[in-house]
Amino acid sequence: MTDSAKPMTKGQILAAIAEKAGLTKKQVDDVLSAQAELAYQQAVAGFTIPGIGKLAVVQRSARSGRNPATGETIQIPAKKSVKFRVAKAAKDAIAPAAD
């Protein structure tokens, strides 16, 4: 795939997985929906998708920032944020390190 290629649509992803796994697109859609739902429920504890990465909730501390429109310094409150850490296997498969 080149840099100018368009990302796959949901239908294309379902069709590709269904063909490879010998399942129907509806079955694949059900599996992916169940995986997403489980990931949302388990994100606080950390949810790993083997070979892809890990979804986790992290606490961001309060900090000061700037309003880009006025340049005024503002306080940004602490909050929870969702992070995704890409697995080493995925990094190596997508963008291998130069030797």
N, C-alpha and C. Protein backbone atom coordinates (compact mmCIF):
# COMPACT_ATOMS: atom_id res chain seq x y z
N MET A 1 0.83 -1.17 0.00
CA MET A 1 0.00 0.00 0.00
C MET A 1 0.89 1.25 0.00
N THR A 2 0.53 2.23 -0.76
CA THR A 2 1.32 3.45 -0.83
C THR A 2 0.76 4.50 0.12
N ASP A 3 1.51 5.58 0.33
CA ASP A 3 1.08 6.64 1.23
C ASP A 3 -0.20 7.32 0.75
N SER A 4 -0.46 7.34 -0.56
CA SER A 4 -1.63 8.01 -1.09
C SER A 4 -2.86 7.10 -1.13
N ALA A 5 -2.72 5.83 -0.74
CA ALA A 5 -3.84 4.90 -0.74
C ALA A 5 -4.86 5.30 0.32
N LYS A 6 -6.12 5.06 0.02
CA LYS A 6 -7.18 5.38 0.97
C LYS A 6 -7.30 4.26 2.00
N PRO A 7 -7.67 4.59 3.24
CA PRO A 7 -7.88 3.55 4.24
C PRO A 7 -9.07 2.67 3.85
N MET A 8 -9.05 1.43 4.31
CA MET A 8 -10.15 0.50 4.01
C MET A 8 -11.41 0.96 4.74
N THR A 9 -12.54 0.73 4.10
CA THR A 9 -13.83 1.01 4.75
C THR A 9 -14.16 -0.16 5.66
N LYS A 10 -15.16 0.03 6.52
CA LYS A 10 -15.59 -1.04 7.41
C LYS A 10 -16.03 -2.25 6.59
N GLY A 11 -16.77 -2.03 5.51
CA GLY A 11 -17.23 -3.12 4.66
C GLY A 11 -16.07 -3.89 4.03
N GLN A 12 -15.04 -3.17 3.61
CA GLN A 12 -13.87 -3.83 3.02
C GLN A 12 -13.12 -4.65 4.06
N ILE A 13 -13.03 -4.12 5.28
CA ILE A 13 -12.36 -4.85 6.36
C ILE A 13 -13.13 -6.12 6.68
N LEU A 14 -14.46 -6.00 6.81
CA LEU A 14 -15.29 -7.16 7.10
C LEU A 14 -15.15 -8.22 6.01
N ALA A 15 -15.17 -7.79 4.74
CA ALA A 15 -15.07 -8.72 3.62
C ALA A 15 -13.71 -9.42 3.61
N ALA A 16 -12.64 -8.68 3.87
CA ALA A 16 -11.30 -9.27 3.85
C ALA A 16 -11.13 -10.29 4.97
N ILE A 17 -11.59 -9.96 6.17
CA ILE A 17 -11.48 -10.90 7.29
C ILE A 17 -12.38 -12.11 7.07
N ALA A 18 -13.59 -11.88 6.57
CA ALA A 18 -14.53 -12.97 6.32
C ALA A 18 -13.96 -13.96 5.31
N GLU A 19 -13.35 -13.46 4.26
CA GLU A 19 -12.76 -14.33 3.24
C GLU A 19 -11.59 -15.14 3.82
N LYS A 20 -10.73 -14.47 4.57
CA LYS A 20 -9.55 -15.13 5.14
C LYS A 20 -9.94 -16.17 6.19
N ALA A 21 -10.97 -15.89 7.00
CA ALA A 21 -11.36 -16.78 8.09
C ALA A 21 -12.44 -17.79 7.70
N GLY A 22 -13.02 -17.63 6.52
CA GLY A 22 -14.08 -18.54 6.11
C GLY A 22 -15.38 -18.33 6.87
N LEU A 23 -15.64 -17.08 7.22
CA LEU A 23 -16.86 -16.71 7.94
C LEU A 23 -17.69 -15.78 7.08
N THR A 24 -18.92 -15.51 7.53
CA THR A 24 -19.73 -14.52 6.83
C THR A 24 -19.35 -13.12 7.35
N LYS A 25 -19.69 -12.10 6.57
CA LYS A 25 -19.41 -10.74 7.00
C LYS A 25 -20.19 -10.42 8.27
N LYS A 26 -21.38 -10.94 8.42
CA LYS A 26 -22.20 -10.72 9.62
C LYS A 26 -21.50 -11.31 10.84
N GLN A 27 -20.94 -12.51 10.71
CA GLN A 27 -20.24 -13.14 11.83
C GLN A 27 -19.01 -12.31 12.22
N VAL A 28 -18.27 -11.84 11.24
CA VAL A 28 -17.09 -11.02 11.52
C VAL A 28 -17.50 -9.72 12.18
N ASP A 29 -18.59 -9.11 11.71
CA ASP A 29 -19.09 -7.87 12.31
C ASP A 29 -19.46 -8.11 13.77
N ASP A 30 -20.12 -9.24 14.06
CA ASP A 30 -20.48 -9.58 15.44
C ASP A 30 -19.24 -9.74 16.31
N VAL A 31 -18.21 -10.40 15.80
CA VAL A 31 -16.97 -10.61 16.56
C VAL A 31 -16.28 -9.27 16.83
N LEU A 32 -16.16 -8.43 15.82
CA LEU A 32 -15.50 -7.14 16.00
C LEU A 32 -16.30 -6.23 16.94
N SER A 33 -17.61 -6.28 16.87
CA SER A 33 -18.45 -5.49 17.78
C SER A 33 -18.28 -5.97 19.22
N ALA A 34 -18.24 -7.29 19.40
CA ALA A 34 -18.04 -7.85 20.74
C ALA A 34 -16.66 -7.48 21.28
N GLN A 35 -15.65 -7.50 20.42
CA GLN A 35 -14.30 -7.13 20.84
C GLN A 35 -14.26 -5.66 21.25
N ALA A 36 -14.88 -4.80 20.48
CA ALA A 36 -14.90 -3.37 20.81
C ALA A 36 -15.61 -3.14 22.14
N GLU A 37 -16.74 -3.79 22.35
CA GLU A 37 -17.49 -3.65 23.59
C GLU A 37 -16.66 -4.12 24.79
N LEU A 38 -15.99 -5.25 24.63
CA LEU A 38 -15.13 -5.77 25.70
C LEU A 38 -13.97 -4.81 25.97
N ALA A 39 -13.40 -4.23 24.92
CA ALA A 39 -12.30 -3.28 25.08
C ALA A 39 -12.75 -2.06 25.87
N TYR A 40 -13.95 -1.56 25.59
CA TYR A 40 -14.48 -0.40 26.32
C TYR A 40 -14.65 -0.73 27.80
N GLN A 41 -15.15 -1.93 28.09
CA GLN A 41 -15.38 -2.34 29.47
C GLN A 41 -14.08 -2.56 30.23
N GLN A 42 -13.07 -3.08 29.57
CA GLN A 42 -11.83 -3.48 30.23
C GLN A 42 -10.69 -2.47 30.11
N ALA A 43 -10.92 -1.33 29.49
CA ALA A 43 -9.85 -0.36 29.24
C ALA A 43 -9.20 0.12 30.54
N VAL A 44 -9.98 0.26 31.60
CA VAL A 44 -9.42 0.74 32.87
C VAL A 44 -8.34 -0.22 33.37
N ALA A 45 -8.56 -1.51 33.21
CA ALA A 45 -7.58 -2.52 33.63
C ALA A 45 -6.51 -2.73 32.57
N GLY A 46 -6.74 -2.26 31.37
CA GLY A 46 -5.83 -2.48 30.25
C GLY A 46 -6.38 -3.58 29.37
N PHE A 47 -6.53 -3.32 28.09
CA PHE A 47 -7.07 -4.30 27.15
C PHE A 47 -6.06 -4.50 26.03
N THR A 48 -5.51 -5.70 25.93
CA THR A 48 -4.50 -6.00 24.92
C THR A 48 -5.12 -6.72 23.74
N ILE A 49 -4.82 -6.23 22.55
CA ILE A 49 -5.16 -6.92 21.31
C ILE A 49 -3.85 -7.52 20.83
N PRO A 50 -3.68 -8.85 20.97
CA PRO A 50 -2.40 -9.48 20.64
C PRO A 50 -1.90 -9.11 19.24
N GLY A 51 -0.64 -8.70 19.17
CA GLY A 51 -0.02 -8.34 17.90
C GLY A 51 -0.33 -6.94 17.42
N ILE A 52 -1.27 -6.24 18.07
CA ILE A 52 -1.66 -4.89 17.66
C ILE A 52 -1.23 -3.86 18.70
N GLY A 53 -1.69 -4.04 19.95
CA GLY A 53 -1.32 -3.09 20.98
C GLY A 53 -2.21 -3.18 22.19
N LYS A 54 -2.10 -2.19 23.06
CA LYS A 54 -2.82 -2.18 24.33
C LYS A 54 -3.55 -0.87 24.51
N LEU A 55 -4.82 -0.97 24.91
CA LEU A 55 -5.67 0.17 25.21
C LEU A 55 -5.66 0.35 26.72
N ALA A 56 -5.44 1.57 27.19
CA ALA A 56 -5.37 1.81 28.63
C ALA A 56 -5.89 3.20 28.97
N VAL A 57 -6.44 3.32 30.18
CA VAL A 57 -6.88 4.61 30.69
C VAL A 57 -5.76 5.14 31.58
N VAL A 58 -5.37 6.39 31.36
CA VAL A 58 -4.33 7.01 32.17
C VAL A 58 -4.87 8.30 32.79
N GLN A 59 -4.32 8.66 33.93
CA GLN A 59 -4.71 9.90 34.60
C GLN A 59 -3.74 10.99 34.19
N ARG A 60 -4.24 12.06 33.60
CA ARG A 60 -3.40 13.20 33.23
C ARG A 60 -3.48 14.22 34.35
N SER A 61 -2.33 14.72 34.76
CA SER A 61 -2.31 15.69 35.86
C SER A 61 -2.71 17.08 35.37
N ALA A 62 -3.10 17.92 36.32
CA ALA A 62 -3.46 19.30 36.00
C ALA A 62 -2.20 20.03 35.52
N ARG A 63 -2.39 20.98 34.62
CA ARG A 63 -1.25 21.72 34.09
C ARG A 63 -1.73 23.08 33.61
N SER A 64 -0.78 23.96 33.35
CA SER A 64 -1.16 25.26 32.79
C SER A 64 -0.90 25.23 31.29
N GLY A 65 -1.71 25.97 30.57
CA GLY A 65 -1.58 26.04 29.12
C GLY A 65 -1.92 27.44 28.65
N ARG A 66 -2.01 27.61 27.35
CA ARG A 66 -2.32 28.93 26.79
C ARG A 66 -3.53 28.85 25.89
N ASN A 67 -4.36 29.88 25.97
CA ASN A 67 -5.47 30.03 25.05
C ASN A 67 -4.86 30.51 23.73
N PRO A 68 -4.95 29.74 22.66
CA PRO A 68 -4.30 30.14 21.41
C PRO A 68 -4.88 31.42 20.80
N ALA A 69 -6.12 31.72 21.11
CA ALA A 69 -6.74 32.92 20.54
C ALA A 69 -6.25 34.20 21.22
N THR A 70 -6.08 34.13 22.56
CA THR A 70 -5.74 35.35 23.30
C THR A 70 -4.33 35.34 23.87
N GLY A 71 -3.73 34.16 23.96
CA GLY A 71 -2.41 34.05 24.55
C GLY A 71 -2.46 34.02 26.07
N GLU A 72 -3.67 34.08 26.63
CA GLU A 72 -3.86 34.07 28.08
C GLU A 72 -3.50 32.71 28.67
N THR A 73 -2.82 32.71 29.82
CA THR A 73 -2.49 31.47 30.52
C THR A 73 -3.74 30.95 31.21
N ILE A 74 -4.02 29.66 31.03
CA ILE A 74 -5.19 29.04 31.65
C ILE A 74 -4.77 27.78 32.38
N GLN A 75 -5.59 27.37 33.35
CA GLN A 75 -5.35 26.11 34.06
C GLN A 75 -6.16 25.01 33.38
N ILE A 76 -5.49 23.93 33.03
CA ILE A 76 -6.16 22.76 32.44
C ILE A 76 -6.30 21.74 33.56
N PRO A 77 -7.54 21.34 33.88
CA PRO A 77 -7.75 20.43 35.01
C PRO A 77 -7.25 19.01 34.73
N ALA A 78 -7.02 18.25 35.81
CA ALA A 78 -6.65 16.84 35.69
C ALA A 78 -7.83 16.09 35.07
N LYS A 79 -7.53 15.04 34.31
CA LYS A 79 -8.61 14.25 33.71
C LYS A 79 -8.09 12.87 33.33
N LYS A 80 -9.02 11.97 33.06
CA LYS A 80 -8.68 10.65 32.56
C LYS A 80 -8.62 10.73 31.06
N SER A 81 -7.69 9.97 30.47
CA SER A 81 -7.52 9.97 29.03
C SER A 81 -7.29 8.53 28.57
N VAL A 82 -7.66 8.23 27.35
CA VAL A 82 -7.44 6.89 26.79
C VAL A 82 -6.20 6.93 25.92
N LYS A 83 -5.31 5.98 26.14
CA LYS A 83 -4.08 5.87 25.36
C LYS A 83 -4.05 4.51 24.66
N PHE A 84 -3.41 4.47 23.51
CA PHE A 84 -3.19 3.20 22.82
C PHE A 84 -1.70 3.06 22.58
N ARG A 85 -1.13 1.99 23.12
CA ARG A 85 0.30 1.73 22.93
C ARG A 85 0.44 0.64 21.88
N VAL A 86 1.10 0.93 20.81
CA VAL A 86 1.28 -0.02 19.71
C VAL A 86 2.29 -1.09 20.13
N ALA A 87 1.95 -2.35 19.83
CA ALA A 87 2.82 -3.47 20.17
C ALA A 87 4.09 -3.46 19.31
N LYS A 88 5.17 -3.99 19.86
CA LYS A 88 6.44 -4.03 19.14
C LYS A 88 6.30 -4.82 17.83
N ALA A 89 5.53 -5.91 17.87
CA ALA A 89 5.33 -6.72 16.66
C ALA A 89 4.68 -5.90 15.55
N ALA A 90 3.71 -5.04 15.91
CA ALA A 90 3.06 -4.19 14.92
C ALA A 90 4.03 -3.14 14.38
N LYS A 91 4.80 -2.52 15.28
CA LYS A 91 5.79 -1.52 14.84
C LYS A 91 6.76 -2.13 13.85
N ASP A 92 7.29 -3.32 14.20
CA ASP A 92 8.27 -3.98 13.34
C ASP A 92 7.67 -4.39 12.00
N ALA A 93 6.40 -4.80 11.98
CA ALA A 93 5.77 -5.22 10.74
C ALA A 93 5.43 -4.04 9.83
N ILE A 94 5.07 -2.90 10.44
CA ILE A 94 4.64 -1.74 9.66
C ILE A 94 5.81 -0.85 9.27
N ALA A 95 6.69 -0.57 10.23
CA ALA A 95 7.81 0.32 9.98
C ALA A 95 9.07 -0.30 10.59
N PRO A 96 9.68 -1.25 9.90
CA PRO A 96 10.87 -1.91 10.46
C PRO A 96 12.00 -0.90 10.72
N ALA A 97 12.72 -1.16 11.81
CA ALA A 97 13.83 -0.29 12.17
C ALA A 97 14.95 -0.44 11.14
N ALA A 98 15.56 0.68 10.77
CA ALA A 98 16.67 0.64 9.82
C ALA A 98 17.92 0.14 10.53
N ASP A 99 18.63 -0.74 9.91
CA ASP A 99 19.87 -1.28 10.52
C ASP A 99 21.07 -0.44 10.18
